[in-house]
Protein backbone atom coordinates (compact mmCIF):
# COMPACT_ATOMS: atom_id res chain seq x y z
CA MET A 1 40.15 109.79 71.40
CA ALA A 2 39.45 106.09 72.06
CA ALA A 3 36.07 106.96 73.54
CA THR A 4 35.22 108.99 70.44
CA ARG A 5 36.07 106.06 68.15
CA ARG A 6 33.91 103.72 70.24
CA LYS A 7 30.99 106.13 69.98
CA ARG A 8 31.39 106.33 66.21
CA ARG A 9 31.46 102.54 65.88
CA ALA A 10 28.38 102.25 68.07
CA ALA A 11 26.61 104.90 65.99
CA VAL A 12 27.33 102.90 62.82
CA ARG A 13 26.39 99.59 64.42
CA HIS A 14 22.99 100.67 65.70
CA PRO A 15 21.47 101.58 62.30
CA ILE A 16 22.68 98.26 60.90
CA VAL A 17 21.11 96.37 63.78
CA HIS A 18 17.87 98.29 63.37
CA LEU A 19 17.78 97.64 59.64
CA ALA A 20 18.47 93.94 60.16
CA ALA A 21 15.75 93.71 62.81
CA ARG A 22 13.29 95.52 60.55
CA ALA A 23 14.12 93.25 57.61
CA LEU A 24 13.68 90.17 59.79
CA LEU A 25 10.32 91.44 61.02
CA ILE A 26 9.15 92.06 57.45
CA VAL A 27 10.20 88.55 56.43
CA LEU A 28 8.42 87.00 59.42
CA VAL A 29 5.20 88.96 58.92
CA GLY A 30 5.25 88.32 55.18
CA SER A 31 5.81 84.59 55.52
CA VAL A 32 3.20 84.15 58.24
CA GLY A 33 0.72 86.26 56.29
CA SER A 34 1.31 84.30 53.08
CA VAL A 35 0.85 80.93 54.76
CA LEU A 36 -2.27 82.13 56.56
CA LEU A 37 -3.85 83.46 53.35
CA LEU A 38 -3.14 80.21 51.53
CA ARG A 39 -5.15 78.37 54.15
CA TRP A 40 -8.22 79.64 52.28
CA ILE A 41 -6.95 80.91 48.91
CA ARG A 42 -5.99 78.53 46.11
CA PRO A 43 -2.34 78.83 45.08
CA VAL A 44 -2.19 80.36 41.60
CA THR A 45 1.22 78.79 41.08
CA THR A 46 4.14 77.45 43.12
CA ALA A 47 7.86 78.01 43.29
CA PHE A 48 8.43 74.61 41.64
CA MET A 49 6.04 75.40 38.77
CA ILE A 50 7.82 78.69 38.14
CA GLU A 51 11.24 77.01 38.28
CA ALA A 52 10.13 74.30 35.82
CA ARG A 53 8.87 76.87 33.33
CA VAL A 54 12.03 78.98 33.64
CA ALA A 55 14.19 75.87 33.16
CA ALA A 56 12.24 75.00 30.00
CA VAL A 57 12.72 78.52 28.62
CA ILE A 58 16.45 78.45 29.37
CA ALA A 59 16.74 75.03 27.70
CA GLY A 60 14.86 76.32 24.66
CA ASP A 61 12.10 73.72 25.08
CA SER A 62 9.28 75.25 23.07
CA HIS A 63 7.13 72.14 23.58
CA TYR A 64 6.93 72.46 27.36
CA ARG A 65 3.38 72.84 28.63
CA SER A 66 2.22 73.20 32.19
CA GLU A 67 -1.11 71.68 33.25
CA TYR A 68 -2.55 72.71 36.60
CA ARG A 69 -6.21 72.70 37.59
CA TRP A 70 -7.29 73.10 41.18
CA VAL A 71 -9.68 70.44 42.46
CA ALA A 72 -11.34 70.66 45.88
CA TYR A 73 -10.59 67.83 48.30
CA ARG A 74 -14.19 66.63 48.23
CA GLU A 75 -13.98 66.26 44.42
CA ILE A 76 -11.01 63.88 44.59
CA SER A 77 -11.58 60.14 44.91
CA PRO A 78 -10.90 59.06 48.51
CA GLN A 79 -8.63 56.39 47.02
CA LEU A 80 -5.98 58.96 46.06
CA PRO A 81 -5.35 60.61 49.46
CA ILE A 82 -4.89 57.25 51.18
CA ALA A 83 -2.64 56.01 48.37
CA VAL A 84 -0.45 59.10 48.68
CA VAL A 85 -0.30 58.81 52.48
CA ALA A 86 0.53 55.10 52.21
CA ALA A 87 3.29 55.82 49.71
CA GLU A 88 4.77 59.05 51.03
CA ASP A 89 4.03 59.60 54.70
CA GLN A 90 2.09 57.01 56.69
CA LYS A 91 2.39 58.98 59.93
CA PHE A 92 0.99 62.13 58.31
CA PRO A 93 -2.22 62.21 60.39
CA ILE A 94 -0.33 62.09 63.70
CA HIS A 95 3.03 63.83 63.30
CA ALA A 96 3.64 67.56 63.72
CA GLY A 97 5.37 68.05 60.38
CA PHE A 98 8.46 65.87 60.82
CA ASP A 99 8.86 62.10 60.96
CA PHE A 100 11.90 61.78 63.21
CA ASP A 101 11.95 57.99 62.95
CA ALA A 102 12.21 58.23 59.15
CA ILE A 103 14.91 60.88 59.46
CA ALA A 104 16.91 58.66 61.82
CA ASP A 105 16.55 55.68 59.46
CA ALA A 106 17.66 57.77 56.48
CA LEU A 107 20.70 59.06 58.37
CA GLY A 108 21.51 55.53 59.46
CA ASP A 109 21.39 54.25 55.89
CA ARG A 110 23.66 57.07 54.76
CA GLY A 111 26.11 56.42 57.58
CA ASP A 112 26.22 52.72 56.71
CA GLY A 113 27.01 53.55 53.10
CA GLY A 114 23.62 52.37 51.86
CA PRO A 115 21.50 54.15 49.27
CA SER A 116 20.10 57.46 50.47
CA ARG A 117 16.35 57.75 50.82
CA GLY A 118 14.04 60.62 51.44
CA ALA A 119 12.47 61.30 54.80
CA SER A 120 10.38 64.32 53.88
CA THR A 121 6.81 64.38 55.14
CA ILE A 122 3.88 65.55 53.05
CA THR A 123 3.96 68.84 54.98
CA GLN A 124 7.62 69.35 54.14
CA GLN A 125 6.91 68.64 50.49
CA VAL A 126 4.12 71.23 50.47
CA ALA A 127 6.56 73.75 51.96
CA LYS A 128 9.14 72.94 49.27
CA ASN A 129 6.66 73.08 46.41
CA LEU A 130 5.04 76.34 47.44
CA PHE A 131 7.95 78.42 48.65
CA LEU A 132 11.39 76.97 47.91
CA TRP A 133 13.85 76.35 45.13
CA PRO A 134 15.22 72.93 44.08
CA GLY A 135 18.53 71.79 45.50
CA ARG A 136 20.13 70.75 48.75
CA SER A 137 21.72 73.05 51.31
CA TRP A 138 21.52 73.71 55.03
CA LEU A 139 19.99 77.13 54.35
CA ARG A 140 17.24 75.59 52.25
CA LYS A 141 16.61 72.90 54.86
CA GLY A 142 16.33 75.54 57.55
CA ILE A 143 13.81 77.57 55.57
CA GLU A 144 11.89 74.40 54.74
CA ALA A 145 11.68 73.52 58.45
CA TYR A 146 10.43 77.03 59.23
CA PHE A 147 7.64 76.84 56.65
CA THR A 148 6.79 73.30 57.76
CA VAL A 149 6.19 74.55 61.29
CA LEU A 150 4.06 77.40 59.96
CA LEU A 151 1.94 75.04 57.85
CA GLU A 152 1.35 72.63 60.71
CA THR A 153 0.49 75.53 63.03
CA LEU A 154 -1.78 77.53 60.73
CA TRP A 155 -3.41 74.88 58.52
CA PRO A 156 -5.52 71.84 59.38
CA LYS A 157 -4.17 68.51 58.14
CA ARG A 158 -6.89 68.23 55.52
CA ARG A 159 -5.81 71.54 53.94
CA ILE A 160 -2.18 70.41 53.82
CA LEU A 161 -3.20 67.20 52.04
CA GLU A 162 -5.58 69.06 49.72
CA VAL A 163 -2.83 71.44 48.60
CA TYR A 164 -0.33 68.61 48.17
CA LEU A 165 -2.73 66.66 45.94
CA ASN A 166 -3.11 69.77 43.80
CA VAL A 167 0.50 70.93 43.47
CA ALA A 168 2.46 67.65 43.41
CA GLU A 169 4.09 66.95 40.05
CA PHE A 170 2.95 63.63 38.54
CA ALA A 171 4.86 64.09 35.27
CA PRO A 172 6.93 66.91 33.77
CA GLY A 173 4.53 69.84 33.52
CA THR A 174 1.58 67.91 35.00
CA PHE A 175 0.70 69.27 38.43
CA GLY A 176 -2.09 68.02 40.65
CA ALA A 177 -4.67 65.26 40.68
CA GLY A 178 -7.01 67.01 38.26
CA ALA A 179 -4.51 67.26 35.43
CA ALA A 180 -2.96 63.85 36.15
CA ALA A 181 -6.24 61.91 36.25
CA GLN A 182 -7.34 63.39 32.94
CA ARG A 183 -3.98 62.99 31.22
CA PHE A 184 -3.21 59.42 32.24
CA PHE A 185 -6.62 57.81 32.66
CA GLY A 186 -9.09 60.11 30.88
CA VAL A 187 -11.27 60.48 33.97
CA PRO A 188 -11.99 63.24 36.48
CA PRO A 189 -10.14 62.83 39.79
CA SER A 190 -13.38 61.86 41.51
CA ARG A 191 -13.46 58.61 39.48
CA LEU A 192 -9.93 57.37 40.19
CA ASP A 193 -9.99 53.80 41.45
CA ALA A 194 -7.58 52.23 43.95
CA GLU A 195 -5.15 50.91 41.31
CA GLN A 196 -5.03 54.18 39.38
CA SER A 197 -4.53 56.14 42.59
CA ALA A 198 -1.72 53.86 43.70
CA ARG A 199 -0.05 54.20 40.29
CA LEU A 200 -0.14 57.98 40.53
CA ALA A 201 1.35 57.79 44.02
CA ALA A 202 4.01 55.41 42.73
CA VAL A 203 5.53 57.99 40.37
CA LEU A 204 5.73 60.85 42.87
CA PRO A 205 9.35 60.27 43.95
CA ALA A 206 10.63 60.78 40.39
CA PRO A 207 7.97 62.03 37.95
CA ASP A 208 10.64 62.78 35.35
CA ARG A 209 11.69 59.11 35.21
CA LEU A 210 8.61 57.13 36.29
CA HIS A 211 5.49 57.03 34.13
CA ALA A 212 1.91 56.41 35.24
CA ASP A 213 0.73 55.80 31.67
CA ARG A 214 3.66 53.55 30.68
CA PRO A 215 4.47 51.82 33.96
CA SER A 216 7.74 49.95 34.20
CA ASP A 217 8.06 46.73 36.19
CA TYR A 218 9.28 48.86 39.09
CA VAL A 219 6.20 51.11 38.93
CA ARG A 220 3.91 48.08 38.75
CA GLU A 221 5.56 46.51 41.79
CA ARG A 222 5.47 49.77 43.69
CA THR A 223 1.79 50.21 42.77
CA GLU A 224 0.95 46.81 44.23
CA HIS A 225 2.91 47.61 47.37
CA ILE A 226 1.11 50.95 47.82
CA GLU A 227 -2.29 49.28 47.38
CA SER A 228 -1.33 46.72 50.01
CA GLU A 229 -0.12 49.41 52.43
CA ALA A 230 -3.28 51.48 51.89
CA GLN A 231 -5.41 48.45 52.76
CA ARG A 232 -3.25 47.68 55.79
CA LEU A 233 -3.81 51.22 57.08
CA GLY A 234 -7.57 50.74 56.71
CA GLY A 235 -8.20 52.32 53.31
CA PRO A 236 -10.00 55.67 53.03
CA ALA A 237 -11.47 55.10 56.49
CA TYR A 238 -7.99 55.72 57.93
CA LEU A 239 -8.38 59.38 56.99
CA ARG A 240 -12.12 59.67 57.55
CA ALA A 241 -11.71 58.53 61.14
CA LEU A 242 -9.42 61.48 61.71
CA SER A 243 -11.91 64.09 60.38
CA PHE A 244 -10.22 64.45 57.00
CA GLN A 245 -13.47 64.17 55.06
């Protein structure tokens, strides 16, 4: 009798295991395939763009408009990539997707009771923008880490930076360098100068509160700091020397 019950339990368990394994395989193949395709194909939209539009609909905001125009890396002023790297992720050219020193510093600040700060790399932000939902949870962080590894494995650094410059939100509903350059400065992204580029980079941490067209004292100070850091790194040559252009 006991042996019969064990056989029945095993018979039930095996289909569940097989289904779970099959589902996991589908998820893995689908995610790897999606990331690999996006190495060459322009993203039509992102998870964050979709979430922003849905949030506007739920809030009844009939004035919400989304601006997103893809611009090739070579058509973006070299001042913007270095400004973004200087502001967001100075070790971007050399890390493998994660800046462990920045993570340790952020955890140390939190443990000391200081203000929390972000430690996400540009690659992690691309993963979040393309594939994930807003919010904080261990599950989300785990998925983000998985996609970060995929991006660093399957894409060259230049492609990661190109996609980031095109999908980053510079103001509510304004995604990418093409839309931002035109909206705030009335120029194509190829004509952005160092100060304009630094100002765009300055608003990236909080595009809903910081304004490139109406810069606060904080944005002005941050813009000057970013320009200084970009020059310290070597300017656009910092990326050219690493085969980014």
